[in-house]
Amino acid sequence: QVQLVESGGGLVQPGGSLRLSCAASGFDLDYSAIGWFRQAPGKEHEAVSCIRGSDGSTYYADSVKGRFTISRENAKNMVYLQMNSLKPEDTAVYYCAVDRHPVTTAQAMCVMMMGSWGQGTQVTVSS
């Protein structure tokens, strides 16, 4: 059974940093694609960043390029999202998601926003 548990959210001032973690179980990261998606109040879901488990290739939304970094530790079945230079517009619930197909690219994962999702963790950027 696929399970994704996000952690690391919280309240941070503009310009600050947070690291989100996604603990994955029930599948093998080596043969999956993982994505971080978010939903701000009153807005649609948005893809933030995705990574392909087999080769570590990544994809980022333009809004977070240069500020966020996605990474994974396949041996621990963990995926991370390091968020730096946070802005108030980054405020959202952040979700970890997985697509268990080895051919899925990071870009496809982010464009399609498919797969199984976790429950989410709240990130609030405010002074």
N, C-alpha and C. Protein backbone atom coordinates (compact mmCIF):
# COMPACT_ATOMS: atom_id res chain seq x y z
N GLN A 1 0.84 -1.19 0.00
CA GLN A 1 0.00 0.00 0.00
C GLN A 1 0.88 1.24 0.00
N VAL A 2 0.61 2.12 -0.93
CA VAL A 2 1.39 3.35 -1.05
C VAL A 2 1.04 4.30 0.10
N GLN A 3 2.07 4.82 0.74
CA GLN A 3 1.85 5.82 1.78
C GLN A 3 2.91 6.91 1.64
N LEU A 4 2.45 8.15 1.73
CA LEU A 4 3.33 9.31 1.65
C LEU A 4 3.01 10.21 2.83
N VAL A 5 4.03 10.56 3.61
CA VAL A 5 3.82 11.40 4.77
C VAL A 5 4.76 12.60 4.69
N GLU A 6 4.15 13.78 4.56
CA GLU A 6 4.93 15.01 4.47
C GLU A 6 5.18 15.58 5.87
N SER A 7 6.30 16.26 6.01
CA SER A 7 6.62 16.96 7.25
C SER A 7 7.55 18.12 6.94
N GLY A 8 7.71 19.00 7.93
CA GLY A 8 8.66 20.10 7.79
C GLY A 8 8.03 21.45 7.50
N GLY A 9 6.73 21.49 7.35
CA GLY A 9 6.08 22.76 7.11
C GLY A 9 6.06 23.62 8.36
N GLY A 10 5.62 24.86 8.20
CA GLY A 10 5.54 25.76 9.35
C GLY A 10 5.44 27.21 8.91
N LEU A 11 5.66 28.08 9.88
CA LEU A 11 5.61 29.53 9.65
C LEU A 11 7.04 30.05 9.54
N VAL A 12 7.31 30.82 8.49
CA VAL A 12 8.65 31.36 8.29
C VAL A 12 8.52 32.77 7.74
N GLN A 13 9.49 33.61 8.05
CA GLN A 13 9.47 34.98 7.55
C GLN A 13 9.93 35.03 6.10
N PRO A 14 9.50 36.03 5.36
CA PRO A 14 9.99 36.19 3.98
C PRO A 14 11.52 36.22 3.96
N GLY A 15 12.07 35.51 2.98
CA GLY A 15 13.52 35.39 2.87
C GLY A 15 14.08 34.20 3.62
N GLY A 16 13.25 33.55 4.43
CA GLY A 16 13.69 32.41 5.20
C GLY A 16 13.71 31.12 4.41
N SER A 17 14.02 30.03 5.11
CA SER A 17 14.14 28.71 4.48
C SER A 17 13.37 27.66 5.27
N LEU A 18 12.94 26.65 4.55
CA LEU A 18 12.34 25.46 5.14
C LEU A 18 12.77 24.26 4.31
N ARG A 19 12.81 23.10 4.95
CA ARG A 19 13.03 21.86 4.21
C ARG A 19 11.87 20.92 4.48
N LEU A 20 11.17 20.58 3.43
CA LEU A 20 10.09 19.62 3.52
C LEU A 20 10.64 18.22 3.27
N SER A 21 10.06 17.26 3.99
CA SER A 21 10.43 15.86 3.82
C SER A 21 9.20 15.05 3.46
N CYS A 22 9.41 14.04 2.65
CA CYS A 22 8.34 13.11 2.27
C CYS A 22 8.84 11.70 2.54
N ALA A 23 8.22 11.05 3.51
CA ALA A 23 8.55 9.67 3.83
C ALA A 23 7.64 8.76 3.02
N ALA A 24 8.25 7.94 2.16
CA ALA A 24 7.48 7.10 1.25
C ALA A 24 7.57 5.64 1.66
N SER A 25 6.49 4.91 1.50
CA SER A 25 6.49 3.48 1.77
C SER A 25 5.51 2.78 0.84
N GLY A 26 5.73 1.48 0.65
CA GLY A 26 4.83 0.70 -0.20
C GLY A 26 5.22 0.66 -1.66
N PHE A 27 6.35 1.25 -2.00
CA PHE A 27 6.82 1.21 -3.38
C PHE A 27 8.31 1.52 -3.40
N ASP A 28 8.92 1.31 -4.55
CA ASP A 28 10.36 1.51 -4.70
C ASP A 28 10.63 2.82 -5.44
N LEU A 29 11.35 3.73 -4.78
CA LEU A 29 11.66 5.02 -5.39
C LEU A 29 12.45 4.87 -6.68
N ASP A 30 13.25 3.82 -6.78
CA ASP A 30 14.08 3.63 -7.98
C ASP A 30 13.24 3.53 -9.25
N TYR A 31 11.99 3.14 -9.13
CA TYR A 31 11.14 2.92 -10.30
C TYR A 31 9.93 3.83 -10.30
N SER A 32 10.10 5.02 -9.72
CA SER A 32 8.98 5.94 -9.58
C SER A 32 9.41 7.37 -9.89
N ALA A 33 8.42 8.22 -10.05
CA ALA A 33 8.64 9.66 -10.12
C ALA A 33 7.90 10.30 -8.95
N ILE A 34 8.54 11.26 -8.33
CA ILE A 34 7.99 11.93 -7.16
C ILE A 34 7.83 13.41 -7.46
N GLY A 35 6.72 13.97 -7.00
CA GLY A 35 6.50 15.38 -7.21
C GLY A 35 6.10 16.09 -5.94
N TRP A 36 6.43 17.37 -5.88
CA TRP A 36 5.90 18.26 -4.85
C TRP A 36 4.93 19.21 -5.55
N PHE A 37 3.71 19.21 -5.06
CA PHE A 37 2.68 20.09 -5.59
C PHE A 37 2.18 20.97 -4.46
N ARG A 38 1.52 22.07 -4.78
CA ARG A 38 1.00 22.94 -3.73
C ARG A 38 -0.33 23.54 -4.14
N GLN A 39 -1.07 23.96 -3.12
CA GLN A 39 -2.33 24.64 -3.35
C GLN A 39 -2.43 25.81 -2.39
N ALA A 40 -2.45 27.00 -2.95
CA ALA A 40 -2.62 28.21 -2.14
C ALA A 40 -4.11 28.46 -1.94
N PRO A 41 -4.47 29.20 -0.90
CA PRO A 41 -5.88 29.48 -0.64
C PRO A 41 -6.56 30.10 -1.86
N GLY A 42 -7.67 29.52 -2.27
CA GLY A 42 -8.44 30.05 -3.38
C GLY A 42 -7.85 29.82 -4.74
N LYS A 43 -6.80 29.00 -4.83
CA LYS A 43 -6.15 28.78 -6.12
C LYS A 43 -6.14 27.30 -6.48
N GLU A 44 -5.83 27.02 -7.74
CA GLU A 44 -5.72 25.65 -8.22
C GLU A 44 -4.42 25.02 -7.71
N HIS A 45 -4.38 23.69 -7.78
CA HIS A 45 -3.13 23.00 -7.48
C HIS A 45 -2.07 23.39 -8.50
N GLU A 46 -0.82 23.45 -8.03
CA GLU A 46 0.29 23.87 -8.89
C GLU A 46 1.46 22.93 -8.65
N ALA A 47 2.09 22.50 -9.75
CA ALA A 47 3.29 21.68 -9.61
C ALA A 47 4.46 22.56 -9.24
N VAL A 48 5.24 22.15 -8.26
CA VAL A 48 6.39 22.91 -7.80
C VAL A 48 7.68 22.31 -8.35
N SER A 49 7.89 21.02 -8.10
CA SER A 49 9.11 20.37 -8.55
C SER A 49 8.90 18.87 -8.55
N CYS A 50 9.60 18.18 -9.46
CA CYS A 50 9.49 16.74 -9.56
C CYS A 50 10.86 16.13 -9.81
N ILE A 51 10.98 14.84 -9.43
CA ILE A 51 12.24 14.15 -9.61
C ILE A 51 11.97 12.71 -10.04
N ARG A 52 12.82 12.22 -10.93
CA ARG A 52 12.71 10.84 -11.36
C ARG A 52 13.62 10.00 -10.48
N GLY A 53 13.05 8.96 -9.86
CA GLY A 53 13.81 8.19 -8.88
C GLY A 53 15.00 7.46 -9.45
N SER A 54 14.92 7.00 -10.69
CA SER A 54 15.98 6.17 -11.27
C SER A 54 17.26 6.94 -11.56
N ASP A 55 17.13 8.16 -12.06
CA ASP A 55 18.34 8.89 -12.47
C ASP A 55 18.48 10.26 -11.81
N GLY A 56 17.51 10.66 -10.98
CA GLY A 56 17.61 11.93 -10.28
C GLY A 56 17.36 13.15 -11.14
N SER A 57 16.87 12.96 -12.36
CA SER A 57 16.58 14.12 -13.20
C SER A 57 15.42 14.90 -12.58
N THR A 58 15.46 16.21 -12.75
CA THR A 58 14.52 17.07 -12.04
C THR A 58 13.80 18.04 -12.98
N TYR A 59 12.75 18.60 -12.46
CA TYR A 59 11.96 19.61 -13.16
C TYR A 59 11.49 20.61 -12.12
N TYR A 60 11.52 21.90 -12.47
CA TYR A 60 11.07 22.95 -11.56
C TYR A 60 10.11 23.89 -12.27
N ALA A 61 9.11 24.34 -11.52
CA ALA A 61 8.27 25.41 -12.02
C ALA A 61 9.10 26.69 -12.09
N ASP A 62 8.78 27.54 -13.06
CA ASP A 62 9.53 28.79 -13.22
C ASP A 62 9.52 29.63 -11.95
N SER A 63 8.42 29.57 -11.21
CA SER A 63 8.25 30.40 -10.02
C SER A 63 9.20 30.04 -8.89
N VAL A 64 9.80 28.84 -8.94
CA VAL A 64 10.67 28.42 -7.84
C VAL A 64 12.10 28.13 -8.29
N LYS A 65 12.38 28.22 -9.58
CA LYS A 65 13.73 27.95 -10.08
C LYS A 65 14.74 28.85 -9.41
N GLY A 66 15.84 28.24 -8.98
CA GLY A 66 16.90 28.99 -8.31
C GLY A 66 16.67 29.18 -6.82
N ARG A 67 15.48 28.85 -6.34
CA ARG A 67 15.18 29.00 -4.90
C ARG A 67 14.92 27.66 -4.23
N PHE A 68 14.30 26.74 -4.95
CA PHE A 68 13.95 25.43 -4.38
C PHE A 68 14.83 24.35 -5.00
N THR A 69 15.12 23.32 -4.20
CA THR A 69 15.89 22.18 -4.67
C THR A 69 15.23 20.89 -4.21
N ILE A 70 14.94 20.01 -5.15
CA ILE A 70 14.36 18.70 -4.83
C ILE A 70 15.49 17.67 -4.83
N SER A 71 15.39 16.72 -3.90
CA SER A 71 16.39 15.66 -3.84
C SER A 71 15.75 14.40 -3.28
N ARG A 72 16.46 13.28 -3.41
CA ARG A 72 15.91 12.03 -2.87
C ARG A 72 17.03 11.17 -2.31
N GLU A 73 16.65 10.33 -1.36
CA GLU A 73 17.53 9.30 -0.81
C GLU A 73 16.81 7.98 -1.00
N ASN A 74 17.11 7.32 -2.11
CA ASN A 74 16.36 6.10 -2.44
C ASN A 74 16.51 5.02 -1.37
N ALA A 75 17.69 4.92 -0.77
CA ALA A 75 17.90 3.89 0.24
C ALA A 75 17.00 4.07 1.44
N LYS A 76 16.63 5.32 1.71
CA LYS A 76 15.75 5.62 2.85
C LYS A 76 14.32 5.85 2.41
N ASN A 77 14.06 5.80 1.10
CA ASN A 77 12.73 6.11 0.56
C ASN A 77 12.25 7.48 1.02
N MET A 78 13.14 8.46 0.93
CA MET A 78 12.83 9.82 1.34
C MET A 78 13.03 10.78 0.16
N VAL A 79 12.16 11.77 0.09
CA VAL A 79 12.30 12.85 -0.88
C VAL A 79 12.21 14.17 -0.12
N TYR A 80 13.00 15.15 -0.54
CA TYR A 80 13.08 16.42 0.17
C TYR A 80 12.83 17.58 -0.79
N LEU A 81 12.38 18.67 -0.21
CA LEU A 81 12.26 19.92 -0.96
C LEU A 81 12.87 21.02 -0.10
N GLN A 82 14.06 21.46 -0.47
CA GLN A 82 14.71 22.57 0.22
C GLN A 82 14.20 23.87 -0.39
N MET A 83 13.62 24.72 0.45
CA MET A 83 13.02 25.96 -0.02
C MET A 83 13.76 27.13 0.60
N ASN A 84 14.41 27.92 -0.23
CA ASN A 84 15.14 29.09 0.22
C ASN A 84 14.51 30.37 -0.34
N SER A 85 14.88 31.48 0.24
CA SER A 85 14.37 32.78 -0.22
C SER A 85 12.86 32.76 -0.37
N LEU A 86 12.20 32.28 0.65
CA LEU A 86 10.75 32.11 0.58
C LEU A 86 10.03 33.45 0.48
N LYS A 87 8.93 33.44 -0.24
CA LYS A 87 8.13 34.64 -0.48
C LYS A 87 6.71 34.39 0.04
N PRO A 88 5.98 35.46 0.36
CA PRO A 88 4.59 35.26 0.80
C PRO A 88 3.76 34.46 -0.19
N GLU A 89 4.04 34.60 -1.46
CA GLU A 89 3.27 33.85 -2.48
C GLU A 89 3.60 32.36 -2.50
N ASP A 90 4.57 31.93 -1.72
CA ASP A 90 4.85 30.50 -1.58
C ASP A 90 3.94 29.86 -0.53
N THR A 91 3.16 30.68 0.16
CA THR A 91 2.24 30.15 1.17
C THR A 91 1.24 29.22 0.52
N ALA A 92 1.16 27.99 1.03
CA ALA A 92 0.29 26.98 0.45
C ALA A 92 0.37 25.70 1.28
N VAL A 93 -0.53 24.78 0.99
CA VAL A 93 -0.37 23.41 1.46
C VAL A 93 0.47 22.67 0.42
N TYR A 94 1.52 22.04 0.87
CA TYR A 94 2.44 21.34 -0.02
C TYR A 94 2.21 19.83 0.09
N TYR A 95 2.05 19.20 -1.06
CA TYR A 95 1.77 17.76 -1.13
C TYR A 95 2.92 17.04 -1.84
N CYS A 96 3.19 15.84 -1.35
CA CYS A 96 4.11 14.93 -2.01
C CYS A 96 3.26 13.92 -2.79
N ALA A 97 3.69 13.57 -4.00
CA ALA A 97 2.93 12.63 -4.82
C ALA A 97 3.88 11.68 -5.53
N VAL A 98 3.39 10.49 -5.86
CA VAL A 98 4.22 9.49 -6.54
C VAL A 98 3.47 8.88 -7.71
N ASP A 99 4.20 8.67 -8.80
CA ASP A 99 3.70 7.89 -9.93
C ASP A 99 4.62 6.69 -10.10
N ARG A 100 4.08 5.51 -9.92
CA ARG A 100 4.91 4.30 -9.87
C ARG A 100 5.13 3.68 -11.24
N HIS A 101 5.62 4.48 -12.16
CA HIS A 101 5.98 3.97 -13.48
C HIS A 101 7.41 4.41 -13.77
N PRO A 102 8.31 3.48 -14.02
CA PRO A 102 9.72 3.84 -14.21
C PRO A 102 9.99 4.71 -15.42
N VAL A 103 9.07 4.75 -16.39
CA VAL A 103 9.31 5.55 -17.59
C VAL A 103 8.85 6.99 -17.43
N THR A 104 8.13 7.28 -16.35
CA THR A 104 7.63 8.65 -16.16
C THR A 104 8.79 9.60 -15.90
N THR A 105 8.88 10.65 -16.69
CA THR A 105 9.93 11.64 -16.50
C THR A 105 9.49 12.65 -15.42
N ALA A 106 10.47 13.40 -14.93
CA ALA A 106 10.16 14.42 -13.95
C ALA A 106 9.23 15.48 -14.54
N GLN A 107 9.49 15.86 -15.79
CA GLN A 107 8.64 16.87 -16.42
C GLN A 107 7.21 16.36 -16.58
N ALA A 108 7.07 15.13 -17.02
CA ALA A 108 5.73 14.57 -17.19
C ALA A 108 4.99 14.52 -15.86
N MET A 109 5.70 14.14 -14.81
CA MET A 109 5.10 14.09 -13.48
C MET A 109 4.55 15.45 -13.08
N CYS A 110 5.31 16.49 -13.32
CA CYS A 110 4.89 17.83 -12.95
C CYS A 110 3.78 18.36 -13.86
N VAL A 111 3.89 18.08 -15.14
CA VAL A 111 2.88 18.59 -16.08
C VAL A 111 1.53 17.92 -15.83
N MET A 112 1.55 16.60 -15.59
CA MET A 112 0.31 15.85 -15.44
C MET A 112 -0.20 15.85 -14.01
N MET A 113 0.67 16.09 -13.03
CA MET A 113 0.31 16.06 -11.60
C MET A 113 -0.49 14.80 -11.29
N MET A 114 0.06 13.64 -11.64
CA MET A 114 -0.67 12.40 -11.50
C MET A 114 -0.17 11.60 -10.31
N GLY A 115 -0.80 10.47 -10.08
CA GLY A 115 -0.33 9.55 -9.07
C GLY A 115 -1.07 9.67 -7.74
N SER A 116 -0.45 9.08 -6.71
CA SER A 116 -1.02 9.08 -5.37
C SER A 116 -0.41 10.23 -4.56
N TRP A 117 -1.24 10.88 -3.78
CA TRP A 117 -0.81 12.06 -3.04
C TRP A 117 -0.84 11.80 -1.54
N GLY A 118 0.01 12.54 -0.81
CA GLY A 118 -0.04 12.52 0.64
C GLY A 118 -1.09 13.50 1.15
N GLN A 119 -1.08 13.71 2.48
CA GLN A 119 -2.09 14.57 3.11
C GLN A 119 -1.70 16.04 3.10
N GLY A 120 -0.43 16.32 2.89
CA GLY A 120 -0.01 17.71 2.79
C GLY A 120 0.54 18.29 4.08
N THR A 121 1.35 19.35 3.93
CA THR A 121 1.89 20.07 5.07
C THR A 121 1.80 21.57 4.75
N GLN A 122 1.38 22.34 5.75
CA GLN A 122 1.14 23.77 5.54
C GLN A 122 2.45 24.54 5.62
N VAL A 123 2.67 25.41 4.65
CA VAL A 123 3.79 26.34 4.66
C VAL A 123 3.21 27.75 4.62
N THR A 124 3.57 28.56 5.61
CA THR A 124 3.09 29.94 5.67
C THR A 124 4.29 30.87 5.72
N VAL A 125 4.35 31.78 4.76
CA VAL A 125 5.45 32.75 4.70
C VAL A 125 4.86 34.12 5.01
N SER A 126 5.21 34.64 6.16
CA SER A 126 4.61 35.89 6.61
C SER A 126 5.49 36.54 7.66
N SER A 127 5.47 37.87 7.67
CA SER A 127 6.22 38.60 8.69
C SER A 127 5.30 38.93 9.88
